[in-house]
Amino acid sequence: MLKISKSKSEKKHYSEGWTFIETLIVMAIVLVLTASVGFSAIKQLDKARIVTVKSQLESFSIALDSFYMDNGFYPSTDQGLEALWQKPTGNPEPKNWNGPYLSKQIPQDPWGNNYIYNVPGENGLPYGIISYGKDGMEGGEGNDQDITTWE
């Protein structure tokens, strides 16, 4: 048997591992997958914020009804939702205030805006609470739509 050996200069040298092009391709694939997951997560985050507002409005309504049962009236617009956390001053004076009626201070809506509280409310209701949505302005569609206690 005859062995043919090549000299060192004749041998091809292959390095083990990834080439630069392979690395770029992998990075591109990871970027596309991350972006698609990210866009889906953003849509779900907006839905979660809307659900949070509706849940908070329901909690405020229950607390306002408890305030009413103790005092015979709802807090005035000037007293606001803060009357559910600390005893309000001014007229009408809640002589039987038995709060706080919420377990935490009044939060802002998920977009960082204050809730709007009005007495009387829309459509002949005793009160109304509004979140102006993502844009923080009255009206709008989609994520900018107002969320209220009467709709």
C-alpha atoms as a PDB file:
ATOM      1  CA  MET A   1       0.000   0.000   0.000  1.00  0.00           C
ATOM      2  CA  LEU A   2       1.256   3.301  -1.036  1.00  0.00           C
ATOM      3  CA  LYS A   3       0.621   6.336   1.121  1.00  0.00           C
ATOM      4  CA  ILE A   4       0.468   9.663  -0.508  1.00  0.00           C
ATOM      5  CA  SER A   5       0.913  12.481   1.878  1.00  0.00           C
ATOM      6  CA  LYS A   6       0.509  16.107   1.034  1.00  0.00           C
ATOM      7  CA  SER A   7       2.776  18.733   2.324  1.00  0.00           C
ATOM      8  CA  LYS A   8       1.434  21.245   4.812  1.00  0.00           C
ATOM      9  CA  SER A   9       1.182  23.940   2.181  1.00  0.00           C
ATOM     10  CA  GLU A  10      -0.934  21.712  -0.035  1.00  0.00           C
ATOM     11  CA  LYS A  11      -3.489  20.829   2.666  1.00  0.00           C
ATOM     12  CA  LYS A  12      -6.635  22.930   2.756  1.00  0.00           C
ATOM     13  CA  HIS A  13      -7.350  24.450   6.129  1.00  0.00           C
ATOM     14  CA  TYR A  14     -10.956  24.521   7.258  1.00  0.00           C
ATOM     15  CA  SER A  15     -11.817  26.286  10.466  1.00  0.00           C
ATOM     16  CA  GLU A  16     -14.525  24.813  12.578  1.00  0.00           C
ATOM     17  CA  GLY A  17     -17.487  26.982  13.639  1.00  0.00           C
ATOM     18  CA  TRP A  18     -19.790  29.503  12.048  1.00  0.00           C
ATOM     19  CA  THR A  19     -18.955  31.705   9.121  1.00  0.00           C
ATOM     20  CA  PHE A  20     -19.848  35.350   9.171  1.00  0.00           C
ATOM     21  CA  ILE A  21     -22.661  34.803   6.629  1.00  0.00           C
ATOM     22  CA  GLU A  22     -24.145  31.968   8.683  1.00  0.00           C
ATOM     23  CA  THR A  23     -24.096  34.202  11.740  1.00  0.00           C
ATOM     24  CA  LEU A  24     -25.911  36.981   9.859  1.00  0.00           C
ATOM     25  CA  ILE A  25     -28.566  34.538   8.631  1.00  0.00           C
ATOM     26  CA  VAL A  26     -29.197  33.238  12.153  1.00  0.00           C
ATOM     27  CA  MET A  27     -29.416  36.798  13.496  1.00  0.00           C
ATOM     28  CA  ALA A  28     -31.918  37.719  10.771  1.00  0.00           C
ATOM     29  CA  ILE A  29     -34.110  34.723  11.600  1.00  0.00           C
ATOM     30  CA  VAL A  30     -34.038  35.535  15.313  1.00  0.00           C
ATOM     31  CA  LEU A  31     -34.907  39.174  14.560  1.00  0.00           C
ATOM     32  CA  VAL A  32     -37.908  38.214  12.413  1.00  0.00           C
ATOM     33  CA  LEU A  33     -39.211  35.810  15.069  1.00  0.00           C
ATOM     34  CA  THR A  34     -38.714  38.346  17.858  1.00  0.00           C
ATOM     35  CA  ALA A  35     -40.482  41.079  15.897  1.00  0.00           C
ATOM     36  CA  SER A  36     -43.502  38.878  15.161  1.00  0.00           C
ATOM     37  CA  VAL A  37     -43.833  37.885  18.816  1.00  0.00           C
ATOM     38  CA  GLY A  38     -43.359  41.506  19.883  1.00  0.00           C
ATOM     39  CA  PHE A  39     -46.157  42.774  17.653  1.00  0.00           C
ATOM     40  CA  SER A  40     -48.513  40.112  18.975  1.00  0.00           C
ATOM     41  CA  ALA A  41     -47.622  41.027  22.555  1.00  0.00           C
ATOM     42  CA  ILE A  42     -48.341  44.721  21.920  1.00  0.00           C
ATOM     43  CA  LYS A  43     -51.833  43.887  20.656  1.00  0.00           C
ATOM     44  CA  GLN A  44     -52.476  41.800  23.762  1.00  0.00           C
ATOM     45  CA  LEU A  45     -51.144  44.563  26.011  1.00  0.00           C
ATOM     46  CA  ASP A  46     -53.679  47.044  24.596  1.00  0.00           C
ATOM     47  CA  LYS A  47     -56.494  44.545  25.203  1.00  0.00           C
ATOM     48  CA  ALA A  48     -55.264  44.011  28.769  1.00  0.00           C
ATOM     49  CA  ARG A  49     -55.337  47.757  29.427  1.00  0.00           C
ATOM     50  CA  ILE A  50     -58.948  47.986  28.291  1.00  0.00           C
ATOM     51  CA  VAL A  51     -59.909  45.050  30.531  1.00  0.00           C
ATOM     52  CA  THR A  52     -58.077  46.739  33.425  1.00  0.00           C
ATOM     53  CA  VAL A  53     -60.075  49.954  32.956  1.00  0.00           C
ATOM     54  CA  LYS A  54     -63.368  48.057  32.911  1.00  0.00           C
ATOM     55  CA  SER A  55     -62.379  46.188  36.067  1.00  0.00           C
ATOM     56  CA  GLN A  56     -61.369  49.394  37.844  1.00  0.00           C
ATOM     57  CA  LEU A  57     -64.628  51.111  36.820  1.00  0.00           C
ATOM     58  CA  GLU A  58     -66.549  48.180  38.302  1.00  0.00           C
ATOM     59  CA  SER A  59     -64.556  48.464  41.561  1.00  0.00           C
ATOM     60  CA  PHE A  60     -65.256  52.205  41.715  1.00  0.00           C
ATOM     61  CA  SER A  61     -68.983  51.572  41.156  1.00  0.00           C
ATOM     62  CA  ILE A  62     -69.141  49.069  44.012  1.00  0.00           C
ATOM     63  CA  ALA A  63     -67.263  51.468  46.312  1.00  0.00           C
ATOM     64  CA  LEU A  64     -69.509  54.377  45.304  1.00  0.00           C
ATOM     65  CA  ASP A  65     -72.601  52.296  46.100  1.00  0.00           C
ATOM     66  CA  SER A  66     -71.129  51.502  49.533  1.00  0.00           C
ATOM     67  CA  PHE A  67     -70.452  55.231  50.078  1.00  0.00           C
ATOM     68  CA  TYR A  68     -74.070  55.942  49.079  1.00  0.00           C
ATOM     69  CA  MET A  69     -75.465  53.317  51.471  1.00  0.00           C
ATOM     70  CA  ASP A  70     -73.512  54.874  54.356  1.00  0.00           C
ATOM     71  CA  ASN A  71     -74.208  58.527  53.560  1.00  0.00           C
ATOM     72  CA  GLY A  72     -77.373  58.706  51.440  1.00  0.00           C
ATOM     73  CA  PHE A  73     -75.639  60.482  48.545  1.00  0.00           C
ATOM     74  CA  TYR A  74     -72.760  60.008  46.130  1.00  0.00           C
ATOM     75  CA  PRO A  75     -69.645  62.183  46.446  1.00  0.00           C
ATOM     76  CA  SER A  76     -69.953  65.446  44.547  1.00  0.00           C
ATOM     77  CA  THR A  77     -67.957  66.073  41.391  1.00  0.00           C
ATOM     78  CA  ASP A  78     -65.663  68.357  43.435  1.00  0.00           C
ATOM     79  CA  GLN A  79     -65.108  65.684  46.096  1.00  0.00           C
ATOM     80  CA  GLY A  80     -64.372  63.193  43.327  1.00  0.00           C
ATOM     81  CA  LEU A  81     -63.328  59.585  43.560  1.00  0.00           C
ATOM     82  CA  GLU A  82     -60.844  60.547  46.272  1.00  0.00           C
ATOM     83  CA  ALA A  83     -63.852  60.533  48.645  1.00  0.00           C
ATOM     84  CA  LEU A  84     -63.661  56.745  48.439  1.00  0.00           C
ATOM     85  CA  TRP A  85     -60.166  56.756  49.960  1.00  0.00           C
ATOM     86  CA  GLN A  86     -60.255  59.592  52.479  1.00  0.00           C
ATOM     87  CA  LYS A  87     -63.113  61.449  54.115  1.00  0.00           C
ATOM     88  CA  PRO A  88     -63.987  64.416  51.938  1.00  0.00           C
ATOM     89  CA  THR A  89     -64.504  67.961  53.112  1.00  0.00           C
ATOM     90  CA  GLY A  90     -67.044  70.432  51.838  1.00  0.00           C
ATOM     91  CA  ASN A  91     -70.678  70.020  50.917  1.00  0.00           C
ATOM     92  CA  PRO A  92     -72.318  67.669  51.150  1.00  0.00           C
ATOM     93  CA  GLU A  93     -70.608  66.515  54.300  1.00  0.00           C
ATOM     94  CA  PRO A  94     -70.551  62.705  54.650  1.00  0.00           C
ATOM     95  CA  LYS A  95     -71.445  62.352  58.333  1.00  0.00           C
ATOM     96  CA  ASN A  96     -71.516  58.545  58.205  1.00  0.00           C
ATOM     97  CA  TRP A  97     -68.347  58.094  56.150  1.00  0.00           C
ATOM     98  CA  ASN A  98     -67.065  54.620  56.952  1.00  0.00           C
ATOM     99  CA  GLY A  99     -64.142  54.333  54.535  1.00  0.00           C
ATOM    100  CA  PRO A 100     -61.865  53.866  52.970  1.00  0.00           C
ATOM    101  CA  TYR A 101     -64.130  52.151  50.480  1.00  0.00           C
ATOM    102  CA  LEU A 102     -61.243  50.896  48.343  1.00  0.00           C
ATOM    103  CA  SER A 103     -58.215  48.852  49.358  1.00  0.00           C
ATOM    104  CA  LYS A 104     -55.812  51.235  47.564  1.00  0.00           C
ATOM    105  CA  GLN A 105     -55.678  54.879  46.614  1.00  0.00           C
ATOM    106  CA  ILE A 106     -57.402  55.892  43.376  1.00  0.00           C
ATOM    107  CA  PRO A 107     -55.121  54.834  40.524  1.00  0.00           C
ATOM    108  CA  GLN A 108     -54.729  56.496  37.174  1.00  0.00           C
ATOM    109  CA  ASP A 109     -55.966  54.608  34.159  1.00  0.00           C
ATOM    110  CA  PRO A 110     -53.451  52.271  32.466  1.00  0.00           C
ATOM    111  CA  TRP A 111     -52.350  55.077  30.107  1.00  0.00           C
ATOM    112  CA  GLY A 112     -51.439  57.375  33.006  1.00  0.00           C
ATOM    113  CA  ASN A 113     -54.511  59.646  32.864  1.00  0.00           C
ATOM    114  CA  ASN A 114     -56.899  60.511  35.680  1.00  0.00           C
ATOM    115  CA  TYR A 115     -60.390  59.093  35.640  1.00  0.00           C
ATOM    116  CA  ILE A 116     -63.143  61.682  35.142  1.00  0.00           C
ATOM    117  CA  TYR A 117     -65.950  61.543  37.718  1.00  0.00           C
ATOM    118  CA  ASN A 118     -69.190  63.477  37.252  1.00  0.00           C
ATOM    119  CA  VAL A 119     -72.356  63.853  39.333  1.00  0.00           C
ATOM    120  CA  PRO A 120     -74.936  63.509  37.904  1.00  0.00           C
ATOM    121  CA  GLY A 121     -73.899  61.056  35.233  1.00  0.00           C
ATOM    122  CA  GLU A 122     -75.068  60.523  31.664  1.00  0.00           C
ATOM    123  CA  ASN A 123     -78.535  59.229  30.749  1.00  0.00           C
ATOM    124  CA  GLY A 124     -80.055  60.115  34.131  1.00  0.00           C
ATOM    125  CA  LEU A 125     -77.603  57.985  36.099  1.00  0.00           C
ATOM    126  CA  PRO A 126     -76.494  59.267  39.528  1.00  0.00           C
ATOM    127  CA  TYR A 127     -72.808  59.376  38.521  1.00  0.00           C
ATOM    128  CA  GLY A 128     -70.490  58.656  35.628  1.00  0.00           C
ATOM    129  CA  ILE A 129     -66.840  57.697  35.406  1.00  0.00           C
ATOM    130  CA  ILE A 130     -64.815  58.009  32.205  1.00  0.00           C
ATOM    131  CA  SER A 131     -61.392  56.938  30.966  1.00  0.00           C
ATOM    132  CA  TYR A 132     -60.549  58.760  27.740  1.00  0.00           C
ATOM    133  CA  GLY A 133     -58.471  55.825  26.507  1.00  0.00           C
ATOM    134  CA  LYS A 134     -54.979  55.797  25.076  1.00  0.00           C
ATOM    135  CA  ASP A 135     -55.069  59.313  23.577  1.00  0.00           C
ATOM    136  CA  GLY A 136     -56.375  60.909  26.806  1.00  0.00           C
ATOM    137  CA  MET A 137     -58.910  62.974  24.842  1.00  0.00           C
ATOM    138  CA  GLU A 138     -62.679  62.729  24.540  1.00  0.00           C
ATOM    139  CA  GLY A 139     -63.919  60.552  21.688  1.00  0.00           C
ATOM    140  CA  GLY A 140     -61.842  58.299  19.501  1.00  0.00           C
ATOM    141  CA  GLU A 141     -61.880  54.792  18.105  1.00  0.00           C
ATOM    142  CA  GLY A 142     -60.042  51.570  18.863  1.00  0.00           C
ATOM    143  CA  ASN A 143     -57.577  52.045  21.733  1.00  0.00           C
ATOM    144  CA  ASP A 144     -58.416  55.767  21.814  1.00  0.00           C
ATOM    145  CA  GLN A 145     -62.104  55.046  22.503  1.00  0.00           C
ATOM    146  CA  ASP A 146     -63.614  56.360  25.725  1.00  0.00           C
ATOM    147  CA  ILE A 147     -64.510  53.731  28.324  1.00  0.00           C
ATOM    148  CA  THR A 148     -67.394  54.663  30.621  1.00  0.00           C
ATOM    149  CA  THR A 149     -69.564  53.263  33.382  1.00  0.00           C
ATOM    150  CA  TRP A 150     -72.764  53.806  31.373  1.00  0.00           C
ATOM    151  CA  GLU A 151     -71.945  51.930  28.179  1.00  0.00           C
END
